[in-house]
Each structure stands twice: as structure tokens, then as C-alpha cells.
C-alpha atoms as a PDB file:
ATOM      1  CA  MET A   1      -0.599 -27.799 -32.288  1.00  0.00           C
ATOM      2  CA  SER A   2       1.908 -28.095 -29.765  1.00  0.00           C
ATOM      3  CA  ASP A   3       3.284 -25.087 -29.689  1.00  0.00           C
ATOM      4  CA  PHE A   4       0.234 -23.001 -29.683  1.00  0.00           C
ATOM      5  CA  PHE A   5      -0.406 -24.451 -26.231  1.00  0.00           C
ATOM      6  CA  GLU A   6       3.140 -24.174 -24.942  1.00  0.00           C
ATOM      7  CA  ARG A   7       3.358 -20.358 -26.111  1.00  0.00           C
ATOM      8  CA  PRO A   8       2.709 -18.243 -23.076  1.00  0.00           C
ATOM      9  CA  PRO A   9      -0.515 -16.159 -23.324  1.00  0.00           C
ATOM     10  CA  ALA A  10      -0.392 -12.730 -24.804  1.00  0.00           C
ATOM     11  CA  THR A  11      -0.033 -10.133 -22.261  1.00  0.00           C
ATOM     12  CA  ASP A  12      -2.579  -7.491 -21.601  1.00  0.00           C
ATOM     13  CA  GLN A  13       0.381  -3.918 -21.119  1.00  0.00           C
ATOM     14  CA  THR A  14      -2.380  -1.286 -20.992  1.00  0.00           C
ATOM     15  CA  LEU A  15      -2.898   0.380 -17.806  1.00  0.00           C
ATOM     16  CA  ILE A  16      -6.342  -1.515 -17.029  1.00  0.00           C
ATOM     17  CA  GLY A  17      -4.936  -4.297 -18.395  1.00  0.00           C
ATOM     18  CA  ARG A  18      -1.393  -4.761 -16.047  1.00  0.00           C
ATOM     19  CA  MET A  19      -4.114  -3.771 -13.046  1.00  0.00           C
ATOM     20  CA  ILE A  20      -6.632  -6.654 -13.245  1.00  0.00           C
ATOM     21  CA  ARG A  21      -3.652  -8.829 -13.459  1.00  0.00           C
ATOM     22  CA  ALA A  22      -2.024  -7.206 -10.426  1.00  0.00           C
ATOM     23  CA  ALA A  23      -5.709  -7.304  -8.817  1.00  0.00           C
ATOM     24  CA  ARG A  24      -5.597 -11.340  -9.782  1.00  0.00           C
ATOM     25  CA  LEU A  25      -1.919 -11.891  -7.989  1.00  0.00           C
ATOM     26  CA  ASP A  26      -0.682 -13.044 -11.452  1.00  0.00           C
ATOM     27  CA  PRO A  27       3.152 -13.659 -10.449  1.00  0.00           C
ATOM     28  CA  ARG A  28       3.444 -12.792 -14.778  1.00  0.00           C
ATOM     29  CA  LEU A  29       2.532  -9.109 -13.901  1.00  0.00           C
ATOM     30  CA  TYR A  30       5.009  -8.270 -10.857  1.00  0.00           C
ATOM     31  CA  ALA A  31       8.222 -10.001 -13.227  1.00  0.00           C
ATOM     32  CA  GLU A  32       6.931  -7.561 -16.324  1.00  0.00           C
ATOM     33  CA  VAL A  33       6.612  -4.534 -14.508  1.00  0.00           C
ATOM     34  CA  GLU A  34      10.344  -5.563 -12.587  1.00  0.00           C
ATOM     35  CA  ALA A  35      12.029  -5.548 -15.725  1.00  0.00           C
ATOM     36  CA  ASP A  36       9.948  -2.624 -17.548  1.00  0.00           C
ATOM     37  CA  GLU A  37      11.758   0.853 -16.092  1.00  0.00           C
ATOM     38  CA  THR A  38       9.044   2.755 -18.506  1.00  0.00           C
ATOM     39  CA  SER A  39       6.050   1.544 -16.135  1.00  0.00           C
ATOM     40  CA  ILE A  40       6.673   3.608 -13.123  1.00  0.00           C
ATOM     41  CA  GLY A  41       3.891   6.221 -14.590  1.00  0.00           C
ATOM     42  CA  GLN A  42       1.537   3.441 -14.553  1.00  0.00           C
ATOM     43  CA  ALA A  43       2.785   2.139 -11.019  1.00  0.00           C
ATOM     44  CA  ALA A  44       2.403   5.506  -9.853  1.00  0.00           C
ATOM     45  CA  SER A  45      -1.274   5.419 -11.304  1.00  0.00           C
ATOM     46  CA  VAL A  46      -2.386   2.457  -9.846  1.00  0.00           C
ATOM     47  CA  VAL A  47      -1.451   4.497  -6.729  1.00  0.00           C
ATOM     48  CA  LEU A  48      -3.217   7.178  -7.263  1.00  0.00           C
ATOM     49  CA  LEU A  49      -6.059   5.877  -8.753  1.00  0.00           C
ATOM     50  CA  SER A  50      -6.237   3.503  -5.236  1.00  0.00           C
ATOM     51  CA  ALA A  51      -6.196   7.007  -3.522  1.00  0.00           C
ATOM     52  CA  PHE A  52      -8.581   8.209  -5.218  1.00  0.00           C
ATOM     53  CA  ALA A  53     -11.050   5.351  -4.965  1.00  0.00           C
ATOM     54  CA  GLY A  54     -10.918   5.418  -1.235  1.00  0.00           C
ATOM     55  CA  GLY A  55     -11.007   9.400  -0.944  1.00  0.00           C
ATOM     56  CA  ILE A  56     -14.167  10.223  -2.748  1.00  0.00           C
ATOM     57  CA  ASN A  57     -15.752   7.720   0.722  1.00  0.00           C
ATOM     58  CA  VAL A  58     -15.449  10.497   2.721  1.00  0.00           C
ATOM     59  CA  PRO A  59     -18.956  12.489   2.668  1.00  0.00           C
ATOM     60  CA  GLY A  60     -17.945  16.678   2.578  1.00  0.00           C
ATOM     61  CA  ALA A  61     -14.507  16.213   1.606  1.00  0.00           C
ATOM     62  CA  PRO A  62     -13.322  19.393   0.385  1.00  0.00           C
ATOM     63  CA  PHE A  63     -11.175  19.359  -2.792  1.00  0.00           C
ATOM     64  CA  ALA A  64      -7.865  20.372  -0.936  1.00  0.00           C
ATOM     65  CA  LEU A  65      -8.587  16.825   1.604  1.00  0.00           C
ATOM     66  CA  LEU A  66      -8.677  14.947  -1.606  1.00  0.00           C
ATOM     67  CA  PHE A  67      -5.520  15.796  -2.977  1.00  0.00           C
ATOM     68  CA  GLY A  68      -3.570  16.172  -0.307  1.00  0.00           C
ATOM     69  CA  SER A  69      -4.443  12.198   0.373  1.00  0.00           C
ATOM     70  CA  LEU A  70      -3.218  11.581  -3.291  1.00  0.00           C
ATOM     71  CA  LEU A  71      -0.421  13.506  -2.117  1.00  0.00           C
ATOM     72  CA  ALA A  72       0.187  11.799   0.709  1.00  0.00           C
ATOM     73  CA  SER A  73      -0.512   8.015  -1.113  1.00  0.00           C
ATOM     74  CA  LEU A  74       2.320   8.651  -3.695  1.00  0.00           C
ATOM     75  CA  VAL A  75       4.669   9.764  -0.453  1.00  0.00           C
ATOM     76  CA  GLY A  76       3.732   6.694   1.579  1.00  0.00           C
ATOM     77  CA  TRP A  77       4.701   4.508  -1.281  1.00  0.00           C
ATOM     78  CA  VAL A  78       7.955   5.770  -2.002  1.00  0.00           C
ATOM     79  CA  LEU A  79       8.401   5.120   1.583  1.00  0.00           C
ATOM     80  CA  PHE A  80       7.595   2.674   2.598  1.00  0.00           C
ATOM     81  CA  ALA A  81       8.810   0.803  -1.021  1.00  0.00           C
ATOM     82  CA  TYR A  82      11.942   2.299   0.759  1.00  0.00           C
ATOM     83  CA  VAL A  83      11.809   0.883   4.071  1.00  0.00           C
ATOM     84  CA  ILE A  84      11.036  -2.925   2.542  1.00  0.00           C
ATOM     85  CA  TYR A  85      13.911  -2.628   0.336  1.00  0.00           C
ATOM     86  CA  LEU A  86      16.113  -1.684   3.525  1.00  0.00           C
ATOM     87  CA  ILE A  87      14.540  -4.886   5.133  1.00  0.00           C
ATOM     88  CA  GLY A  88      14.059  -7.390   2.868  1.00  0.00           C
ATOM     89  CA  ALA A  89      16.899  -6.380   0.585  1.00  0.00           C
ATOM     90  CA  LYS A  90      19.562  -5.592   3.099  1.00  0.00           C
ATOM     91  CA  LEU A  91      18.747  -6.983   6.731  1.00  0.00           C
ATOM     92  CA  LEU A  92      16.573 -10.275   5.689  1.00  0.00           C
ATOM     93  CA  PRO A  93      17.533 -11.008   1.969  1.00  0.00           C
ATOM     94  CA  GLU A  94      17.748 -14.719   1.165  1.00  0.00           C
ATOM     95  CA  PRO A  95      20.870 -16.278  -1.062  1.00  0.00           C
ATOM     96  CA  THR A  96      18.933 -15.851  -4.303  1.00  0.00           C
ATOM     97  CA  THR A  97      17.695 -11.975  -3.697  1.00  0.00           C
ATOM     98  CA  LYS A  98      18.398  -9.632  -6.225  1.00  0.00           C
ATOM     99  CA  ALA A  99      17.417  -6.667  -5.025  1.00  0.00           C
ATOM    100  CA  ASN A 100      16.838  -3.431  -7.297  1.00  0.00           C
ATOM    101  CA  PHE A 101      14.887  -0.324  -5.513  1.00  0.00           C
ATOM    102  CA  GLY A 102      13.035   0.584  -8.797  1.00  0.00           C
ATOM    103  CA  ALA A 103      11.811  -2.756  -9.634  1.00  0.00           C
ATOM    104  CA  LEU A 104      10.811  -3.042  -6.187  1.00  0.00           C
ATOM    105  CA  LEU A 105       9.022   0.619  -5.639  1.00  0.00           C
ATOM    106  CA  ARG A 106       6.778  -0.616  -9.330  1.00  0.00           C
ATOM    107  CA  ALA A 107       5.853  -3.594  -8.196  1.00  0.00           C
ATOM    108  CA  MET A 108       4.548  -2.324  -4.576  1.00  0.00           C
ATOM    109  CA  GLY A 109       2.636   0.273  -6.700  1.00  0.00           C
ATOM    110  CA  PHE A 110       0.630  -2.115  -9.452  1.00  0.00           C
ATOM    111  CA  ALA A 111      -0.259  -4.128  -5.633  1.00  0.00           C
ATOM    112  CA  ASN A 112      -2.346  -0.952  -5.353  1.00  0.00           C
ATOM    113  CA  ALA A 113      -4.307  -1.985  -7.881  1.00  0.00           C
ATOM    114  CA  PRO A 114      -7.493  -4.003  -5.669  1.00  0.00           C
ATOM    115  CA  GLY A 115      -7.767  -0.833  -4.038  1.00  0.00           C
ATOM    116  CA  VAL A 116      -9.710   0.205  -6.722  1.00  0.00           C
ATOM    117  CA  VAL A 117     -12.526  -1.865  -5.242  1.00  0.00           C
ATOM    118  CA  LYS A 118     -13.492   1.035  -2.769  1.00  0.00           C
ATOM    119  CA  LEU A 119     -15.036   2.848  -5.117  1.00  0.00           C
ATOM    120  CA  LEU A 120     -18.203   0.447  -3.951  1.00  0.00           C
ATOM    121  CA  GLY A 121     -17.569   1.780  -0.690  1.00  0.00           C
ATOM    122  CA  ILE A 122     -19.776   4.954  -1.600  1.00  0.00           C
ATOM    123  CA  VAL A 123     -22.925   2.622  -0.631  1.00  0.00           C
ATOM    124  CA  PRO A 124     -22.923   3.302   2.923  1.00  0.00           C
ATOM    125  CA  GLU A 125     -24.223  -0.284   3.589  1.00  0.00           C
ATOM    126  CA  LEU A 126     -20.894  -1.769   2.134  1.00  0.00           C
ATOM    127  CA  ARG A 127     -18.219   0.595   3.045  1.00  0.00           C
ATOM    128  CA  VAL A 128     -17.089  -1.219   6.068  1.00  0.00           C
ATOM    129  CA  LEU A 129     -17.101  -4.177   4.030  1.00  0.00           C
ATOM    130  CA  VAL A 130     -15.545  -3.232   1.050  1.00  0.00           C
ATOM    131  CA  LEU A 131     -12.909  -1.034   3.009  1.00  0.00           C
ATOM    132  CA  PHE A 132     -11.881  -4.359   4.681  1.00  0.00           C
ATOM    133  CA  VAL A 133     -12.239  -6.788   1.471  1.00  0.00           C
ATOM    134  CA  ALA A 134      -9.391  -4.089  -0.093  1.00  0.00           C
ATOM    135  CA  MET A 135      -7.530  -3.498   2.708  1.00  0.00           C
ATOM    136  CA  VAL A 136      -6.835  -7.319   2.863  1.00  0.00           C
ATOM    137  CA  TRP A 137      -6.622  -7.738  -0.504  1.00  0.00           C
ATOM    138  CA  VAL A 138      -3.900  -5.270  -1.503  1.00  0.00           C
ATOM    139  CA  LEU A 139      -1.732  -6.804   1.667  1.00  0.00           C
ATOM    140  CA  VAL A 140      -2.307 -10.066  -0.102  1.00  0.00           C
ATOM    141  CA  ALA A 141      -0.578  -7.992  -3.425  1.00  0.00           C
ATOM    142  CA  THR A 142       1.830  -6.285  -1.724  1.00  0.00           C
ATOM    143  CA  ILE A 143       3.550  -9.404  -0.079  1.00  0.00           C
ATOM    144  CA  THR A 144       2.907 -11.254  -3.337  1.00  0.00           C
ATOM    145  CA  ALA A 145       4.600  -8.484  -5.029  1.00  0.00           C
ATOM    146  CA  VAL A 146       7.773  -8.556  -2.530  1.00  0.00           C
ATOM    147  CA  ARG A 147       8.683 -11.788  -2.735  1.00  0.00           C
ATOM    148  CA  HIS A 148       8.590 -11.717  -6.452  1.00  0.00           C
ATOM    149  CA  ALA A 149      10.572  -8.241  -6.375  1.00  0.00           C
ATOM    150  CA  LEU A 150      12.888  -9.448  -4.094  1.00  0.00           C
ATOM    151  CA  ALA A 151      13.536 -13.205  -5.511  1.00  0.00           C
ATOM    152  CA  TYR A 152      11.852 -14.753  -2.386  1.00  0.00           C
ATOM    153  CA  LYS A 153      11.378 -18.620  -2.646  1.00  0.00           C
ATOM    154  CA  SER A 154       9.135 -18.587   0.485  1.00  0.00           C
ATOM    155  CA  SER A 155       6.170 -16.191   1.098  1.00  0.00           C
ATOM    156  CA  TRP A 156       6.994 -16.184   4.715  1.00  0.00           C
ATOM    157  CA  ARG A 157       9.908 -14.260   4.509  1.00  0.00           C
ATOM    158  CA  ALA A 158       7.814 -11.848   2.272  1.00  0.00           C
ATOM    159  CA  ILE A 159       4.843 -11.921   4.733  1.00  0.00           C
ATOM    160  CA  GLY A 160       7.729 -10.797   7.873  1.00  0.00           C
ATOM    161  CA  VAL A 161       9.267  -8.514   5.436  1.00  0.00           C
ATOM    162  CA  CYS A 162       5.951  -6.702   4.753  1.00  0.00           C
ATOM    163  CA  ALA A 163       4.776  -7.189   8.685  1.00  0.00           C
ATOM    164  CA  ILE A 164       7.497  -5.192  10.336  1.00  0.00           C
ATOM    165  CA  PRO A 165       7.289  -2.274   8.850  1.00  0.00           C
ATOM    166  CA  LEU A 166       3.560  -1.858   9.234  1.00  0.00           C
ATOM    167  CA  LEU A 167       3.861  -3.320  13.036  1.00  0.00           C
ATOM    168  CA  ILE A 168       6.372   0.096  13.781  1.00  0.00           C
ATOM    169  CA  SER A 169       3.609   2.188  11.881  1.00  0.00           C
ATOM    170  CA  GLN A 170       0.832   1.292  13.904  1.00  0.00           C
ATOM    171  CA  LEU A 171       2.554   0.984  17.071  1.00  0.00           C
ATOM    172  CA  LEU A 172       3.936   5.061  16.701  1.00  0.00           C
ATOM    173  CA  ILE A 173       0.150   5.473  15.254  1.00  0.00           C
ATOM    174  CA  PHE A 174      -0.300   3.970  18.765  1.00  0.00           C
ATOM    175  CA  ALA A 175       1.963   6.201  20.437  1.00  0.00           C
ATOM    176  CA  MET A 176       0.703   9.790  18.699  1.00  0.00           C
ATOM    177  CA  ALA A 177      -2.727   8.959  19.204  1.00  0.00           C
ATOM    178  CA  SER A 178      -1.989   8.193  23.423  1.00  0.00           C
ATOM    179  CA  SER A 179      -0.360  11.368  23.624  1.00  0.00           C
ATOM    180  CA  ILE A 180      -2.875  12.944  22.317  1.00  0.00           C
ATOM    181  CA  THR A 181      -6.056  11.266  23.947  1.00  0.00           C
ATOM    182  CA  GLU A 182      -3.638  12.251  27.262  1.00  0.00           C
ATOM    183  CA  LEU A 183      -3.547  16.159  26.849  1.00  0.00           C
ATOM    184  CA  PRO A 184      -7.050  16.696  27.842  1.00  0.00           C
ATOM    185  CA  GLU A 185      -7.033  15.035  31.135  1.00  0.00           C
ATOM    186  CA  THR A 186      -3.569  16.816  31.938  1.00  0.00           C
ATOM    187  CA  HIS A 187      -5.231  19.976  32.000  1.00  0.00           C
ATOM    188  CA  GLN A 188      -8.473  18.312  34.013  1.00  0.00           C
ATOM    189  CA  GLY A 189      -6.407  17.361  36.327  1.00  0.00           C
ATOM    190  CA  MET A 190      -4.435  20.958  37.521  1.00  0.00           C
ATOM    191  CA  ARG A 191      -5.807  22.620  39.795  1.00  0.00           C
ATOM    192  CA  GLU A 192      -7.635  25.780  39.050  1.00  0.00           C
ATOM    193  CA  PRO A 193      -5.700  28.741  40.048  1.00  0.00           C
ATOM    194  CA  PRO A 194      -7.469  30.633  42.834  1.00  0.00           C
ATOM    195  CA  VAL A 195      -9.382  33.664  42.215  1.00  0.00           C
ATOM    196  CA  VAL A 196      -8.761  36.813  43.817  1.00  0.00           C
ATOM    197  CA  LEU A 197     -11.679  38.926  44.705  1.00  0.00           C
ATOM    198  CA  PRO A 198     -10.738  42.767  44.750  1.00  0.00           C
END
């Protein structure tokens, strides 16, 4: 009888089962997908499903835009994971850190599982709330994935490692947005060329 209670619970390795466990922030799930090199396809599927759930919330969006957002989400996943790998494993490792980019990539892919709740944003009255909840939930799941994939003892280090690239990306977006909004003002400030009458 004691063996029954001490045995670890059976793990569901289907895509849906793993997504539910990832959304529940189950640390065993992140350890499992780190070790399972065959789960990269499932991780990519989670990223695509999350992006699709957000993409259908754009009213009247053409298929080309949705396809572009799916492709961008895959590229963003790989790039973000690589930046996290460089910062977390090379710049700010802990003595216990054993870095493997593939393991981190898979764990961060599954961290997108809570993003599927963005499907509820089809209801216009819920859209803003749902997108906010999904964003925070995915962020917490990403911090959980990074902590386990890089074998950090401290959640604060995982938060810092995730915050650095997010802060840099936001500064870049702000800089680009500022330069775009300044262009019309520059043209408005220019004097009109004199009109030469014949």
C-alpha cells in the first residue's frame, strides 16, 4: 500500500496533456521535455497554437497576416530562447547551471501553453482582460521553464534573465516607434518651397 502512494503519478505525454501540465506550471513537465529530445515538434506546435489563438482575435485579418504571425512566432521563439541561453548560461550562470540550448528551447516552447486562452478574446468585451491574463501567465510559465532548464536555485535569477531581453526589446520598439512618429513632424516643420509665378 505504501508503494502505491510513493509512486510518482503517471504522466500524460500527449500534446494536450503536456500543455495542461505546462499551464499548471508543473516542474516535472519542464524536466520531462528537457530530457525528451523528441518533444521539439510538440514544443513548436504549442508556440503555433498560442500564436494562432492570438491571431484570430484580429478582426478582418487576412490569411497572409495570420500566416506571417505564425512564422514570426516560431522565429521569435528560437531567437528569444537563444538570447536567454546566452544570458542565463554564459553571462549569469549559477554553479549548478548545466546549459543545453535544445532543452531550454523545448521548455520555453511549452511555456507558451497558457497563451491558448487568448481564444476567449473572440468575445470583444473580454479581449483586453484575456490578452493581459495570457501575457502574464505565459511570462510566469517562461520564468518557470528557464529556472528548471538552467537549473537555477533562485527564481529571482530566472526573473532577471528573462527581464533583460524583454527590457532591451521594449527599448528597441520604443526607439523605432519614436523615430517613426518624428518623421511627419520633421516634414511639417520644413518651409514650403517658394512658388514662382510665370
